[in-house]
C-alpha atoms as a PDB file:
ATOM      1  CA  MET A   1     -15.237  -1.146   6.424  1.00  0.00           C
ATOM      2  CA  TYR A   2     -15.169  -1.397   2.639  1.00  0.00           C
ATOM      3  CA  LEU A   3     -12.574   0.495   0.628  1.00  0.00           C
ATOM      4  CA  ARG A   4     -15.379   2.448  -1.085  1.00  0.00           C
ATOM      5  CA  ASP A   5     -16.310   3.858   2.354  1.00  0.00           C
ATOM      6  CA  VAL A   6     -12.878   5.382   2.978  1.00  0.00           C
ATOM      7  CA  ALA A   7     -11.571   6.164  -0.517  1.00  0.00           C
ATOM      8  CA  GLU A   8     -12.556   7.013  -4.062  1.00  0.00           C
ATOM      9  CA  VAL A   9     -11.618   4.248  -6.506  1.00  0.00           C
ATOM     10  CA  PHE A  10     -11.170   5.231 -10.155  1.00  0.00           C
ATOM     11  CA  ALA A  11     -10.405   3.424 -13.388  1.00  0.00           C
ATOM     12  CA  GLY A  12      -7.272   3.733 -15.437  1.00  0.00           C
ATOM     13  CA  LEU A  13      -7.273   4.933 -19.038  1.00  0.00           C
ATOM     14  CA  THR A  14      -7.207   2.389 -21.853  1.00  0.00           C
ATOM     15  CA  LEU A  15      -4.464   3.705 -24.090  1.00  0.00           C
ATOM     16  CA  GLY A  16      -5.625   2.231 -27.401  1.00  0.00           C
ATOM     17  CA  GLY A  17      -5.936   5.092 -29.877  1.00  0.00           C
ATOM     18  CA  ARG A  18      -4.914   7.703 -27.294  1.00  0.00           C
ATOM     19  CA  THR A  19      -1.179   7.726 -27.859  1.00  0.00           C
ATOM     20  CA  ILE A  20      -1.349   9.811 -31.045  1.00  0.00           C
ATOM     21  CA  ALA A  21      -3.496  12.906 -31.146  1.00  0.00           C
ATOM     22  CA  GLY A  22      -3.931  16.052 -33.189  1.00  0.00           C
ATOM     23  CA  ARG A  23      -1.582  19.017 -33.493  1.00  0.00           C
ATOM     24  CA  GLY A  24      -2.839  20.637 -30.301  1.00  0.00           C
ATOM     25  CA  ALA A  25      -2.359  17.471 -28.265  1.00  0.00           C
ATOM     26  CA  VAL A  26      -1.450  17.671 -24.589  1.00  0.00           C
ATOM     27  CA  ARG A  27       1.410  15.484 -23.352  1.00  0.00           C
ATOM     28  CA  LEU A  28       0.841  13.790 -19.991  1.00  0.00           C
ATOM     29  CA  ASN A  29       2.866  11.263 -18.001  1.00  0.00           C
ATOM     30  CA  THR A  30       1.343   7.859 -17.386  1.00  0.00           C
ATOM     31  CA  ILE A  31       1.569   5.393 -14.520  1.00  0.00           C
ATOM     32  CA  SER A  32       1.351   1.770 -15.569  1.00  0.00           C
ATOM     33  CA  LEU A  33       2.079  -1.614 -14.067  1.00  0.00           C
ATOM     34  CA  LYS A  34       5.641  -1.682 -15.435  1.00  0.00           C
ATOM     35  CA  ASP A  35       6.456   1.528 -13.547  1.00  0.00           C
ATOM     36  CA  ILE A  36       6.023  -0.150 -10.144  1.00  0.00           C
ATOM     37  CA  VAL A  37       9.322  -1.682  -9.095  1.00  0.00           C
ATOM     38  CA  ARG A  38       9.942  -3.049  -5.590  1.00  0.00           C
ATOM     39  CA  GLY A  39       6.797  -1.366  -4.300  1.00  0.00           C
ATOM     40  CA  ARG A  40       7.647   2.103  -5.623  1.00  0.00           C
ATOM     41  CA  ILE A  41       6.647   3.987  -8.740  1.00  0.00           C
ATOM     42  CA  GLU A  42       9.781   4.989 -10.599  1.00  0.00           C
ATOM     43  CA  PRO A  43       9.004   8.312 -12.363  1.00  0.00           C
ATOM     44  CA  GLU A  44      11.891   7.879 -14.808  1.00  0.00           C
ATOM     45  CA  ARG A  45      10.242   4.702 -16.195  1.00  0.00           C
ATOM     46  CA  THR A  46       6.944   6.371 -17.087  1.00  0.00           C
ATOM     47  CA  ASP A  47       5.836   6.950 -20.675  1.00  0.00           C
ATOM     48  CA  PRO A  48       3.821   9.852 -22.058  1.00  0.00           C
ATOM     49  CA  VAL A  49       0.321   9.778 -23.480  1.00  0.00           C
ATOM     50  CA  TYR A  50      -1.064  12.426 -25.810  1.00  0.00           C
ATOM     51  CA  VAL A  51      -4.681  13.553 -25.572  1.00  0.00           C
ATOM     52  CA  ASP A  52      -6.548  16.117 -27.632  1.00  0.00           C
ATOM     53  CA  HIS A  53      -8.062  17.801 -24.595  1.00  0.00           C
ATOM     54  CA  ILE A  54      -6.973  17.717 -20.975  1.00  0.00           C
ATOM     55  CA  ARG A  55     -10.588  17.115 -19.948  1.00  0.00           C
ATOM     56  CA  ASP A  56     -10.387  13.770 -21.802  1.00  0.00           C
ATOM     57  CA  ALA A  57      -7.927  12.560 -19.169  1.00  0.00           C
ATOM     58  CA  THR A  58      -8.876  14.331 -15.921  1.00  0.00           C
ATOM     59  CA  ARG A  59     -10.898  11.450 -14.489  1.00  0.00           C
ATOM     60  CA  TYR A  60      -7.837   9.191 -14.916  1.00  0.00           C
ATOM     61  CA  MET A  61      -5.322  11.574 -13.341  1.00  0.00           C
ATOM     62  CA  ALA A  62      -3.589  10.668 -10.115  1.00  0.00           C
ATOM     63  CA  ALA A  63      -2.639  13.080  -7.395  1.00  0.00           C
ATOM     64  CA  GLY A  64       0.416  12.780  -5.181  1.00  0.00           C
ATOM     65  CA  ALA A  65      -0.369  10.377  -2.296  1.00  0.00           C
ATOM     66  CA  ASP A  66      -2.979   8.462  -4.289  1.00  0.00           C
ATOM     67  CA  VAL A  67      -2.534   4.701  -4.231  1.00  0.00           C
ATOM     68  CA  VAL A  68      -2.485   2.480  -7.313  1.00  0.00           C
ATOM     69  CA  VAL A  69      -3.187  -1.236  -7.305  1.00  0.00           C
ATOM     70  CA  ALA A  70      -2.769  -3.743 -10.140  1.00  0.00           C
ATOM     71  CA  VAL A  71      -6.037  -4.928 -11.648  1.00  0.00           C
ATOM     72  CA  ARG A  72      -4.297  -6.766 -14.511  1.00  0.00           C
ATOM     73  CA  GLY A  73      -1.015  -8.659 -14.730  1.00  0.00           C
ATOM     74  CA  THR A  74       0.655 -11.563 -12.995  1.00  0.00           C
ATOM     75  CA  LEU A  75       1.851 -10.005  -9.751  1.00  0.00           C
ATOM     76  CA  PRO A  76      -0.125  -8.052  -7.182  1.00  0.00           C
ATOM     77  CA  LYS A  77       1.454  -4.598  -7.083  1.00  0.00           C
ATOM     78  CA  VAL A  78       0.550  -1.635  -4.896  1.00  0.00           C
ATOM     79  CA  ALA A  79       2.289   1.737  -4.606  1.00  0.00           C
ATOM     80  CA  ILE A  80       1.812   5.337  -3.553  1.00  0.00           C
ATOM     81  CA  VAL A  81       1.924   7.942  -6.316  1.00  0.00           C
ATOM     82  CA  PRO A  82       4.874  10.276  -5.666  1.00  0.00           C
ATOM     83  CA  ASP A  83       4.290  14.027  -5.795  1.00  0.00           C
ATOM     84  CA  ALA A  84       6.502  14.164  -8.909  1.00  0.00           C
ATOM     85  CA  LEU A  85       3.741  12.331 -10.799  1.00  0.00           C
ATOM     86  CA  ASN A  86       0.877  14.544  -9.662  1.00  0.00           C
ATOM     87  CA  GLY A  87      -1.449  14.793 -12.686  1.00  0.00           C
ATOM     88  CA  ALA A  88      -0.105  11.641 -14.372  1.00  0.00           C
ATOM     89  CA  VAL A  89      -2.655   9.429 -16.083  1.00  0.00           C
ATOM     90  CA  VAL A  90      -3.256   6.021 -14.488  1.00  0.00           C
ATOM     91  CA  THR A  91      -3.456   3.326 -17.175  1.00  0.00           C
ATOM     92  CA  SER A  92      -6.005   0.526 -17.366  1.00  0.00           C
ATOM     93  CA  THR A  93      -3.705  -2.088 -15.788  1.00  0.00           C
ATOM     94  CA  LEU A  94      -4.169  -0.221 -12.517  1.00  0.00           C
ATOM     95  CA  ALA A  95      -6.961   1.172 -10.386  1.00  0.00           C
ATOM     96  CA  GLY A  96      -6.393   4.514  -8.716  1.00  0.00           C
ATOM     97  CA  ILE A  97      -7.388   4.972  -5.093  1.00  0.00           C
ATOM     98  CA  ARG A  98      -7.768   8.423  -3.535  1.00  0.00           C
ATOM     99  CA  PRO A  99      -7.875   7.874   0.257  1.00  0.00           C
ATOM    100  CA  ARG A 100     -10.249  10.013   2.314  1.00  0.00           C
ATOM    101  CA  ASP A 101     -10.445   8.494   5.799  1.00  0.00           C
ATOM    102  CA  VAL A 102      -7.328   6.348   5.743  1.00  0.00           C
ATOM    103  CA  LEU A 103      -3.708   7.369   5.221  1.00  0.00           C
ATOM    104  CA  PRO A 104      -2.194   6.112   1.949  1.00  0.00           C
ATOM    105  CA  GLU A 105       0.671   4.381   3.778  1.00  0.00           C
ATOM    106  CA  VAL A 106      -1.861   2.464   5.898  1.00  0.00           C
ATOM    107  CA  LEU A 107      -3.767   1.359   2.830  1.00  0.00           C
ATOM    108  CA  VAL A 108      -0.556   0.206   1.111  1.00  0.00           C
ATOM    109  CA  ALA A 109       0.619  -1.582   4.268  1.00  0.00           C
ATOM    110  CA  PHE A 110      -2.681  -3.470   4.439  1.00  0.00           C
ATOM    111  CA  LEU A 111      -2.796  -4.368   0.732  1.00  0.00           C
ATOM    112  CA  ARG A 112       0.788  -5.682   0.913  1.00  0.00           C
ATOM    113  CA  SER A 113       0.059  -7.688   4.069  1.00  0.00           C
ATOM    114  CA  PRO A 114      -0.930 -11.375   3.895  1.00  0.00           C
ATOM    115  CA  ALA A 115      -4.522 -10.443   4.785  1.00  0.00           C
ATOM    116  CA  GLY A 116      -4.641  -7.740   2.116  1.00  0.00           C
ATOM    117  CA  ARG A 117      -3.117  -9.987  -0.572  1.00  0.00           C
ATOM    118  CA  THR A 118      -5.623 -12.699   0.340  1.00  0.00           C
ATOM    119  CA  SER A 119      -8.454 -10.191   0.075  1.00  0.00           C
ATOM    120  CA  LEU A 120      -7.278  -9.097  -3.385  1.00  0.00           C
ATOM    121  CA  GLN A 121      -6.619 -12.626  -4.630  1.00  0.00           C
ATOM    122  CA  SER A 122     -10.000 -13.882  -3.420  1.00  0.00           C
ATOM    123  CA  ARG A 123     -11.615 -11.545  -5.962  1.00  0.00           C
ATOM    124  CA  VAL A 124      -9.494 -12.628  -8.941  1.00  0.00           C
ATOM    125  CA  ARG A 125     -11.607 -14.262 -11.647  1.00  0.00           C
ATOM    126  CA  SER A 126      -8.888 -16.012 -13.612  1.00  0.00           C
ATOM    127  CA  ALA A 127      -7.724 -19.607 -13.657  1.00  0.00           C
ATOM    128  CA  THR A 128      -4.552 -18.670 -15.559  1.00  0.00           C
ATOM    129  CA  GLY A 129      -2.747 -16.983 -12.691  1.00  0.00           C
ATOM    130  CA  GLN A 130      -3.412 -13.580 -14.226  1.00  0.00           C
ATOM    131  CA  ILE A 131      -4.882 -10.837 -12.065  1.00  0.00           C
ATOM    132  CA  SER A 132      -8.231  -9.659 -13.379  1.00  0.00           C
ATOM    133  CA  LEU A 133     -10.092  -7.352 -11.017  1.00  0.00           C
ATOM    134  CA  THR A 134     -12.976  -4.982 -11.677  1.00  0.00           C
ATOM    135  CA  LEU A 135     -13.348  -1.599  -9.996  1.00  0.00           C
ATOM    136  CA  GLU A 136     -16.229  -3.072  -8.022  1.00  0.00           C
ATOM    137  CA  ASP A 137     -13.893  -5.833  -6.753  1.00  0.00           C
ATOM    138  CA  VAL A 138     -11.453  -3.193  -5.535  1.00  0.00           C
ATOM    139  CA  ARG A 139     -14.192  -1.037  -4.005  1.00  0.00           C
ATOM    140  CA  ASN A 140     -15.505  -4.047  -2.055  1.00  0.00           C
ATOM    141  CA  ILE A 141     -12.227  -4.943  -0.353  1.00  0.00           C
ATOM    142  CA  ASP A 142     -12.750  -5.019   3.399  1.00  0.00           C
ATOM    143  CA  VAL A 143     -10.146  -2.636   4.843  1.00  0.00           C
ATOM    144  CA  PRO A 144      -9.337  -2.232   8.531  1.00  0.00           C
ATOM    145  CA  VAL A 145      -9.267   1.447   9.507  1.00  0.00           C
ATOM    146  CA  PRO A 146      -7.518   1.924  12.846  1.00  0.00           C
ATOM    147  CA  PRO A 147      -7.772   5.149  14.873  1.00  0.00           C
ATOM    148  CA  MET A 148      -5.790   8.058  13.408  1.00  0.00           C
ATOM    149  CA  ASP A 149      -2.997   7.854  16.010  1.00  0.00           C
ATOM    150  CA  VAL A 150      -2.416   4.194  15.052  1.00  0.00           C
ATOM    151  CA  GLN A 151      -2.581   5.109  11.359  1.00  0.00           C
ATOM    152  CA  GLN A 152       0.046   7.797  11.949  1.00  0.00           C
ATOM    153  CA  HIS A 153       2.308   5.248  13.636  1.00  0.00           C
ATOM    154  CA  ILE A 154       1.883   2.797  10.722  1.00  0.00           C
ATOM    155  CA  ALA A 155       2.594   5.607   8.243  1.00  0.00           C
ATOM    156  CA  ASP A 156       5.777   6.548  10.143  1.00  0.00           C
ATOM    157  CA  ILE A 157       6.957   2.923  10.020  1.00  0.00           C
ATOM    158  CA  MET A 158       6.219   2.698   6.281  1.00  0.00           C
ATOM    159  CA  ARG A 159       8.079   5.961   5.555  1.00  0.00           C
ATOM    160  CA  THR A 160      11.077   4.825   7.601  1.00  0.00           C
ATOM    161  CA  LEU A 161      11.083   1.485   5.779  1.00  0.00           C
ATOM    162  CA  ASP A 162      10.976   3.271   2.395  1.00  0.00           C
ATOM    163  CA  GLU A 163      13.850   5.545   3.424  1.00  0.00           C
ATOM    164  CA  HIS A 164      15.946   2.537   4.504  1.00  0.00           C
ATOM    165  CA  ASP A 165      15.122   0.695   1.275  1.00  0.00           C
ATOM    166  CA  ALA A 166      16.195   3.715  -0.796  1.00  0.00           C
ATOM    167  CA  ALA A 167      19.440   4.028   1.198  1.00  0.00           C
ATOM    168  CA  SER A 168      20.118   0.293   0.772  1.00  0.00           C
ATOM    169  CA  ARG A 169      19.585   0.500  -3.000  1.00  0.00           C
ATOM    170  CA  GLU A 170      21.914   3.504  -3.194  1.00  0.00           C
ATOM    171  CA  ALA A 171      24.567   1.720  -1.127  1.00  0.00           C
ATOM    172  CA  LEU A 172      24.301  -1.351  -3.369  1.00  0.00           C
ATOM    173  CA  LEU A 173      24.760   0.828  -6.447  1.00  0.00           C
ATOM    174  CA  VAL A 174      27.875   2.424  -4.921  1.00  0.00           C
ATOM    175  CA  ARG A 175      29.300  -1.018  -4.022  1.00  0.00           C
ATOM    176  CA  HIS A 176      28.786  -2.183  -7.621  1.00  0.00           C
ATOM    177  CA  MET A 177      30.458   0.938  -8.988  1.00  0.00           C
ATOM    178  CA  VAL A 178      33.448   0.455  -6.657  1.00  0.00           C
ATOM    179  CA  ALA A 179      33.717  -3.232  -7.583  1.00  0.00           C
ATOM    180  CA  ASP A 180      33.508  -2.399 -11.296  1.00  0.00           C
ATOM    181  CA  ARG A 181      36.246   0.215 -10.895  1.00  0.00           C
ATOM    182  CA  VAL A 182      38.521  -2.188  -8.980  1.00  0.00           C
ATOM    183  CA  ILE A 183      38.012  -4.914 -11.599  1.00  0.00           C
ATOM    184  CA  THR A 184      38.692  -2.446 -14.434  1.00  0.00           C
ATOM    185  CA  ASP A 185      41.867  -1.271 -12.688  1.00  0.00           C
ATOM    186  CA  LEU A 186      42.994  -4.906 -12.210  1.00  0.00           C
ATOM    187  CA  PHE A 187      42.468  -5.663 -15.900  1.00  0.00           C
ATOM    188  CA  GLN A 188      44.421  -2.568 -16.904  1.00  0.00           C
ATOM    189  CA  ALA A 189      47.257  -3.397 -14.468  1.00  0.00           C
ATOM    190  CA  GLY A 190      47.561  -6.963 -15.754  1.00  0.00           C
END
């Protein structure tokens, strides 16, 4: 089944000329390629965009549980939009995907898999190593859509993996803080 059969694929907003608007401008968060770190969108990294009218940006707005995939850049990146960024504007380095008949975690799991990466890379039109995909390329990705009970199982695995990754990152941060404190204390004692 093609991605277009199970999801809506939408373009990101080209920011040129959109970052400064009139006095009545509306401030919106953005989601861009730089905001995807280790497979997650980090809301604190996002930048604002200003538009004169909200309707100017509605077709580029993501909803929580949408998926974004890099269509420009050097690395294939895929992530699920967190609820905290509901209504954020997807930028032109990404394509937004609003799943209908496939769970977002399943779509991300496939696009991160060797088969999914191969499918994405087979559509790249660049000899420079840069990703350059059109919306039509993304819409025409062949996506396996297992039965809903299998999708639910995949989604549970993906959520558990994300929770463990978050806990591991937090534990690493704590270990660094403890080590920094011990080293500081040793310098002060010496």
